[in-house]
Amino acid sequence: MFLADAATEAVESTYSHFDIFMVIFTVLIAIGLVRLLLQRPRKNVFAIGFSTVALLVFLVADYKMISGW
């Protein structure tokens, strides 16, 4: 009986309202990266690299955040 009580206490959600903003920021970064990649005359290589790294960091953070829900 004590083991079942401990198991229900351990499965506690870590959801907070800031998580929605993290997902929205990830989507905005992805949209910005696509727009940078679709530029025709000259591409800003620094901006593409920076947004790629930012998108990877946010995707990893989102994965960790959602796996904790």
PDB file of N, CA and C in Angstrom:
ATOM      1  N   MET A   1       0.822  -1.190   0.000  1.00  0.00           N
ATOM      2  CA  MET A   1       0.000   0.000   0.000  1.00  0.00           C
ATOM      3  C   MET A   1       0.869   1.259   0.000  1.00  0.00           C
ATOM      4  N   PHE A   2       1.941   1.217   0.769  1.00  0.00           N
ATOM      5  CA  PHE A   2       2.821   2.382   0.828  1.00  0.00           C
ATOM      6  C   PHE A   2       3.530   2.614  -0.508  1.00  0.00           C
ATOM      7  N   LEU A   3       3.830   1.531  -1.209  1.00  0.00           N
ATOM      8  CA  LEU A   3       4.495   1.646  -2.502  1.00  0.00           C
ATOM      9  C   LEU A   3       3.573   2.327  -3.522  1.00  0.00           C
ATOM     10  N   ALA A   4       2.295   1.999  -3.513  1.00  0.00           N
ATOM     11  CA  ALA A   4       1.343   2.618  -4.427  1.00  0.00           C
ATOM     12  C   ALA A   4       1.171   4.104  -4.111  1.00  0.00           C
ATOM     13  N   ASP A   5       1.171   4.465  -2.835  1.00  0.00           N
ATOM     14  CA  ASP A   5       1.078   5.874  -2.461  1.00  0.00           C
ATOM     15  C   ASP A   5       2.304   6.651  -2.920  1.00  0.00           C
ATOM     16  N   ALA A   6       3.467   6.051  -2.797  1.00  0.00           N
ATOM     17  CA  ALA A   6       4.699   6.712  -3.221  1.00  0.00           C
ATOM     18  C   ALA A   6       4.726   6.882  -4.742  1.00  0.00           C
ATOM     19  N   ALA A   7       4.181   5.911  -5.461  1.00  0.00           N
ATOM     20  CA  ALA A   7       4.170   5.990  -6.925  1.00  0.00           C
ATOM     21  C   ALA A   7       3.233   7.102  -7.403  1.00  0.00           C
ATOM     22  N   THR A   8       2.105   7.283  -6.745  1.00  0.00           N
ATOM     23  CA  THR A   8       1.192   8.347  -7.169  1.00  0.00           C
ATOM     24  C   THR A   8       1.744   9.720  -6.831  1.00  0.00           C
ATOM     25  N   GLU A   9       2.522   9.816  -5.773  1.00  0.00           N
ATOM     26  CA  GLU A   9       3.136  11.099  -5.431  1.00  0.00           C
ATOM     27  C   GLU A   9       4.273  11.441  -6.387  1.00  0.00           C
ATOM     28  N   ALA A  10       4.959  10.432  -6.901  1.00  0.00           N
ATOM     29  CA  ALA A  10       6.101  10.668  -7.778  1.00  0.00           C
ATOM     30  C   ALA A  10       5.659  11.131  -9.169  1.00  0.00           C
ATOM     31  N   VAL A  11       4.455  10.798  -9.588  1.00  0.00           N
ATOM     32  CA  VAL A  11       3.975  11.170 -10.912  1.00  0.00           C
ATOM     33  C   VAL A  11       3.228  12.493 -10.790  1.00  0.00           C
ATOM     34  N   GLU A  12       4.002  13.547 -10.651  1.00  0.00           N
ATOM     35  CA  GLU A  12       3.428  14.878 -10.508  1.00  0.00           C
ATOM     36  C   GLU A  12       3.818  15.713 -11.717  1.00  0.00           C
ATOM     37  N   SER A  13       2.865  16.407 -12.293  1.00  0.00           N
ATOM     38  CA  SER A  13       3.109  17.178 -13.496  1.00  0.00           C
ATOM     39  C   SER A  13       3.946  18.420 -13.187  1.00  0.00           C
ATOM     40  N   THR A  14       4.853  18.729 -14.103  1.00  0.00           N
ATOM     41  CA  THR A  14       5.702  19.912 -13.948  1.00  0.00           C
ATOM     42  C   THR A  14       5.283  21.014 -14.919  1.00  0.00           C
ATOM     43  N   TYR A  15       4.055  20.956 -15.394  1.00  0.00           N
ATOM     44  CA  TYR A  15       3.555  21.934 -16.354  1.00  0.00           C
ATOM     45  C   TYR A  15       3.428  23.311 -15.699  1.00  0.00           C
ATOM     46  N   SER A  16       3.867  24.339 -16.441  1.00  0.00           N
ATOM     47  CA  SER A  16       3.650  25.713 -16.001  1.00  0.00           C
ATOM     48  C   SER A  16       3.218  26.523 -17.227  1.00  0.00           C
ATOM     49  N   HIS A  17       2.707  27.715 -17.005  1.00  0.00           N
ATOM     50  CA  HIS A  17       2.204  28.526 -18.111  1.00  0.00           C
ATOM     51  C   HIS A  17       3.330  29.054 -19.004  1.00  0.00           C
ATOM     52  N   PHE A  18       4.541  29.073 -18.503  1.00  0.00           N
ATOM     53  CA  PHE A  18       5.678  29.514 -19.315  1.00  0.00           C
ATOM     54  C   PHE A  18       5.970  28.522 -20.439  1.00  0.00           C
ATOM     55  N   ASP A  19       5.549  27.261 -20.283  1.00  0.00           N
ATOM     56  CA  ASP A  19       5.798  26.248 -21.305  1.00  0.00           C
ATOM     57  C   ASP A  19       5.157  26.613 -22.632  1.00  0.00           C
ATOM     58  N   ILE A  20       3.998  27.251 -22.597  1.00  0.00           N
ATOM     59  CA  ILE A  20       3.334  27.667 -23.831  1.00  0.00           C
ATOM     60  C   ILE A  20       4.192  28.695 -24.573  1.00  0.00           C
ATOM     61  N   PHE A  21       4.798  29.622 -23.834  1.00  0.00           N
ATOM     62  CA  PHE A  21       5.660  30.629 -24.459  1.00  0.00           C
ATOM     63  C   PHE A  21       6.901  29.987 -25.088  1.00  0.00           C
ATOM     64  N   MET A  22       7.439  28.961 -24.455  1.00  0.00           N
ATOM     65  CA  MET A  22       8.589  28.268 -25.028  1.00  0.00           C
ATOM     66  C   MET A  22       8.233  27.646 -26.377  1.00  0.00           C
ATOM     67  N   VAL A  23       7.071  27.036 -26.469  1.00  0.00           N
ATOM     68  CA  VAL A  23       6.648  26.421 -27.729  1.00  0.00           C
ATOM     69  C   VAL A  23       6.397  27.502 -28.785  1.00  0.00           C
ATOM     70  N   ILE A  24       5.783  28.604 -28.391  1.00  0.00           N
ATOM     71  CA  ILE A  24       5.530  29.705 -29.333  1.00  0.00           C
ATOM     72  C   ILE A  24       6.843  30.291 -29.841  1.00  0.00           C
ATOM     73  N   PHE A  25       7.824  30.485 -28.961  1.00  0.00           N
ATOM     74  CA  PHE A  25       9.127  31.002 -29.386  1.00  0.00           C
ATOM     75  C   PHE A  25       9.813  30.038 -30.342  1.00  0.00           C
ATOM     76  N   THR A  26       9.669  28.741 -30.106  1.00  0.00           N
ATOM     77  CA  THR A  26      10.265  27.750 -30.999  1.00  0.00           C
ATOM     78  C   THR A  26       9.650  27.849 -32.388  1.00  0.00           C
ATOM     79  N   VAL A  27       8.340  27.995 -32.454  1.00  0.00           N
ATOM     80  CA  VAL A  27       7.664  28.120 -33.744  1.00  0.00           C
ATOM     81  C   VAL A  27       8.107  29.404 -34.451  1.00  0.00           C
ATOM     82  N   LEU A  28       8.235  30.504 -33.706  1.00  0.00           N
ATOM     83  CA  LEU A  28       8.676  31.762 -34.319  1.00  0.00           C
ATOM     84  C   LEU A  28      10.103  31.665 -34.860  1.00  0.00           C
ATOM     85  N   ILE A  29      10.980  31.001 -34.132  1.00  0.00           N
ATOM     86  CA  ILE A  29      12.357  30.824 -34.608  1.00  0.00           C
ATOM     87  C   ILE A  29      12.366  29.970 -35.866  1.00  0.00           C
ATOM     88  N   ALA A  30      11.541  28.930 -35.900  1.00  0.00           N
ATOM     89  CA  ALA A  30      11.475  28.070 -37.084  1.00  0.00           C
ATOM     90  C   ALA A  30      10.955  28.848 -38.290  1.00  0.00           C
ATOM     91  N   ILE A  31       9.947  29.683 -38.091  1.00  0.00           N
ATOM     92  CA  ILE A  31       9.428  30.508 -39.188  1.00  0.00           C
ATOM     93  C   ILE A  31      10.503  31.469 -39.686  1.00  0.00           C
ATOM     94  N   GLY A  32      11.235  32.078 -38.761  1.00  0.00           N
ATOM     95  CA  GLY A  32      12.320  32.989 -39.148  1.00  0.00           C
ATOM     96  C   GLY A  32      13.417  32.287 -39.920  1.00  0.00           C
ATOM     97  N   LEU A  33      13.745  31.066 -39.518  1.00  0.00           N
ATOM     98  CA  LEU A  33      14.785  30.312 -40.229  1.00  0.00           C
ATOM     99  C   LEU A  33      14.331  29.966 -41.643  1.00  0.00           C
ATOM    100  N   VAL A  34      13.083  29.576 -41.800  1.00  0.00           N
ATOM    101  CA  VAL A  34      12.570  29.264 -43.140  1.00  0.00           C
ATOM    102  C   VAL A  34      12.592  30.510 -44.019  1.00  0.00           C
ATOM    103  N   ARG A  35      12.207  31.639 -43.461  1.00  0.00           N
ATOM    104  CA  ARG A  35      12.230  32.876 -44.249  1.00  0.00           C
ATOM    105  C   ARG A  35      13.654  33.259 -44.646  1.00  0.00           C
ATOM    106  N   LEU A  36      14.619  33.039 -43.742  1.00  0.00           N
ATOM    107  CA  LEU A  36      16.014  33.325 -44.087  1.00  0.00           C
ATOM    108  C   LEU A  36      16.511  32.407 -45.194  1.00  0.00           C
ATOM    109  N   LEU A  37      16.101  31.145 -45.140  1.00  0.00           N
ATOM    110  CA  LEU A  37      16.555  30.197 -46.156  1.00  0.00           C
ATOM    111  C   LEU A  37      15.917  30.448 -47.517  1.00  0.00           C
ATOM    112  N   LEU A  38      14.756  31.082 -47.550  1.00  0.00           N
ATOM    113  CA  LEU A  38      14.070  31.339 -48.811  1.00  0.00           C
ATOM    114  C   LEU A  38      14.436  32.673 -49.444  1.00  0.00           C
ATOM    115  N   GLN A  39      15.341  33.431 -48.848  1.00  0.00           N
ATOM    116  CA  GLN A  39      15.771  34.696 -49.448  1.00  0.00           C
ATOM    117  C   GLN A  39      16.482  34.423 -50.761  1.00  0.00           C
ATOM    118  N   ARG A  40      16.182  35.235 -51.750  1.00  0.00           N
ATOM    119  CA  ARG A  40      16.740  34.995 -53.077  1.00  0.00           C
ATOM    120  C   ARG A  40      18.088  35.669 -53.335  1.00  0.00           C
ATOM    121  N   PRO A  41      18.193  36.993 -53.304  1.00  0.00           N
ATOM    122  CA  PRO A  41      19.429  37.591 -53.823  1.00  0.00           C
ATOM    123  C   PRO A  41      20.682  37.240 -53.013  1.00  0.00           C
ATOM    124  N   ARG A  42      20.670  37.573 -51.723  1.00  0.00           N
ATOM    125  CA  ARG A  42      21.835  37.286 -50.868  1.00  0.00           C
ATOM    126  C   ARG A  42      21.340  36.696 -49.563  1.00  0.00           C
ATOM    127  N   LYS A  43      21.983  35.647 -49.128  1.00  0.00           N
ATOM    128  CA  LYS A  43      21.612  35.030 -47.863  1.00  0.00           C
ATOM    129  C   LYS A  43      22.574  35.493 -46.779  1.00  0.00           C
ATOM    130  N   ASN A  44      22.024  35.783 -45.603  1.00  0.00           N
ATOM    131  CA  ASN A  44      22.826  36.178 -44.458  1.00  0.00           C
ATOM    132  C   ASN A  44      23.255  34.906 -43.733  1.00  0.00           C
ATOM    133  N   VAL A  45      24.490  34.480 -43.951  1.00  0.00           N
ATOM    134  CA  VAL A  45      24.976  33.206 -43.424  1.00  0.00           C
ATOM    135  C   VAL A  45      25.057  33.241 -41.899  1.00  0.00           C
ATOM    136  N   PHE A  46      25.456  34.362 -41.334  1.00  0.00           N
ATOM    137  CA  PHE A  46      25.543  34.473 -39.874  1.00  0.00           C
ATOM    138  C   PHE A  46      24.163  34.307 -39.239  1.00  0.00           C
ATOM    139  N   ALA A  47      23.153  34.949 -39.815  1.00  0.00           N
ATOM    140  CA  ALA A  47      21.793  34.859 -39.268  1.00  0.00           C
ATOM    141  C   ALA A  47      21.242  33.440 -39.405  1.00  0.00           C
ATOM    142  N   ILE A  48      21.556  32.792 -40.501  1.00  0.00           N
ATOM    143  CA  ILE A  48      21.106  31.412 -40.690  1.00  0.00           C
ATOM    144  C   ILE A  48      21.752  30.502 -39.653  1.00  0.00           C
ATOM    145  N   GLY A  49      23.038  30.653 -39.426  1.00  0.00           N
ATOM    146  CA  GLY A  49      23.731  29.837 -38.425  1.00  0.00           C
ATOM    147  C   GLY A  49      23.232  30.097 -37.019  1.00  0.00           C
ATOM    148  N   PHE A  50      23.047  31.366 -36.696  1.00  0.00           N
ATOM    149  CA  PHE A  50      22.583  31.722 -35.354  1.00  0.00           C
ATOM    150  C   PHE A  50      21.184  31.188 -35.099  1.00  0.00           C
ATOM    151  N   SER A  51      20.293  31.337 -36.079  1.00  0.00           N
ATOM    152  CA  SER A  51      18.925  30.860 -35.878  1.00  0.00           C
ATOM    153  C   SER A  51      18.857  29.337 -35.876  1.00  0.00           C
ATOM    154  N   THR A  52      19.752  28.676 -36.599  1.00  0.00           N
ATOM    155  CA  THR A  52      19.800  27.214 -36.561  1.00  0.00           C
ATOM    156  C   THR A  52      20.211  26.726 -35.178  1.00  0.00           C
ATOM    157  N   VAL A  53      21.230  27.341 -34.610  1.00  0.00           N
ATOM    158  CA  VAL A  53      21.662  26.956 -33.262  1.00  0.00           C
ATOM    159  C   VAL A  53      20.573  27.265 -32.240  1.00  0.00           C
ATOM    160  N   ALA A  54      19.933  28.424 -32.365  1.00  0.00           N
ATOM    161  CA  ALA A  54      18.853  28.785 -31.439  1.00  0.00           C
ATOM    162  C   ALA A  54      17.695  27.800 -31.558  1.00  0.00           C
ATOM    163  N   LEU A  55      17.352  27.407 -32.790  1.00  0.00           N
ATOM    164  CA  LEU A  55      16.258  26.460 -32.985  1.00  0.00           C
ATOM    165  C   LEU A  55      16.604  25.104 -32.378  1.00  0.00           C
ATOM    166  N   LEU A  56      17.832  24.652 -32.544  1.00  0.00           N
ATOM    167  CA  LEU A  56      18.234  23.374 -31.946  1.00  0.00           C
ATOM    168  C   LEU A  56      18.161  23.421 -30.424  1.00  0.00           C
ATOM    169  N   VAL A  57      18.612  24.529 -29.833  1.00  0.00           N
ATOM    170  CA  VAL A  57      18.556  24.668 -28.378  1.00  0.00           C
ATOM    171  C   VAL A  57      17.112  24.663 -27.894  1.00  0.00           C
ATOM    172  N   PHE A  58      16.247  25.388 -28.584  1.00  0.00           N
ATOM    173  CA  PHE A  58      14.845  25.446 -28.178  1.00  0.00           C
ATOM    174  C   PHE A  58      14.142  24.112 -28.392  1.00  0.00           C
ATOM    175  N   LEU A  59      14.490  23.387 -29.449  1.00  0.00           N
ATOM    176  CA  LEU A  59      13.886  22.075 -29.668  1.00  0.00           C
ATOM    177  C   LEU A  59      14.281  21.090 -28.563  1.00  0.00           C
ATOM    178  N   VAL A  60      15.541  21.117 -28.156  1.00  0.00           N
ATOM    179  CA  VAL A  60      15.981  20.248 -27.060  1.00  0.00           C
ATOM    180  C   VAL A  60      15.295  20.645 -25.756  1.00  0.00           C
ATOM    181  N   ALA A  61      15.181  21.944 -25.505  1.00  0.00           N
ATOM    182  CA  ALA A  61      14.510  22.412 -24.289  1.00  0.00           C
ATOM    183  C   ALA A  61      13.034  22.030 -24.304  1.00  0.00           C
ATOM    184  N   ASP A  62      12.383  22.143 -25.465  1.00  0.00           N
ATOM    185  CA  ASP A  62      10.983  21.745 -25.570  1.00  0.00           C
ATOM    186  C   ASP A  62      10.813  20.246 -25.341  1.00  0.00           C
ATOM    187  N   TYR A  63      11.729  19.445 -25.888  1.00  0.00           N
ATOM    188  CA  TYR A  63      11.655  18.003 -25.681  1.00  0.00           C
ATOM    189  C   TYR A  63      11.771  17.659 -24.199  1.00  0.00           C
ATOM    190  N   LYS A  64      12.758  18.251 -23.529  1.00  0.00           N
ATOM    191  CA  LYS A  64      12.930  18.007 -22.088  1.00  0.00           C
ATOM    192  C   LYS A  64      11.713  18.473 -21.302  1.00  0.00           C
ATOM    193  N   MET A  65      11.173  19.620 -21.694  1.00  0.00           N
ATOM    194  CA  MET A  65      10.031  20.202 -20.995  1.00  0.00           C
ATOM    195  C   MET A  65       8.794  19.308 -21.170  1.00  0.00           C
ATOM    196  N   ILE A  66       8.533  18.867 -22.395  1.00  0.00           N
ATOM    197  CA  ILE A  66       7.334  18.077 -22.649  1.00  0.00           C
ATOM    198  C   ILE A  66       7.474  16.662 -22.076  1.00  0.00           C
ATOM    199  N   SER A  67       8.665  16.118 -22.063  1.00  0.00           N
ATOM    200  CA  SER A  67       8.832  14.790 -21.475  1.00  0.00           C
ATOM    201  C   SER A  67       8.620  14.804 -19.963  1.00  0.00           C
ATOM    202  N   GLY A  68       8.717  15.983 -19.339  1.00  0.00           N
ATOM    203  CA  GLY A  68       8.481  16.088 -17.906  1.00  0.00           C
ATOM    204  C   GLY A  68       7.030  16.285 -17.530  1.00  0.00           C
ATOM    205  N   TRP A  69       6.156  16.478 -18.533  1.00  0.00           N
ATOM    206  CA  TRP A  69       4.747  16.653 -18.234  1.00  0.00           C
ATOM    207  C   TRP A  69       4.199  15.343 -17.783  1.00  0.00           C
TER     208      TRP A  69
END
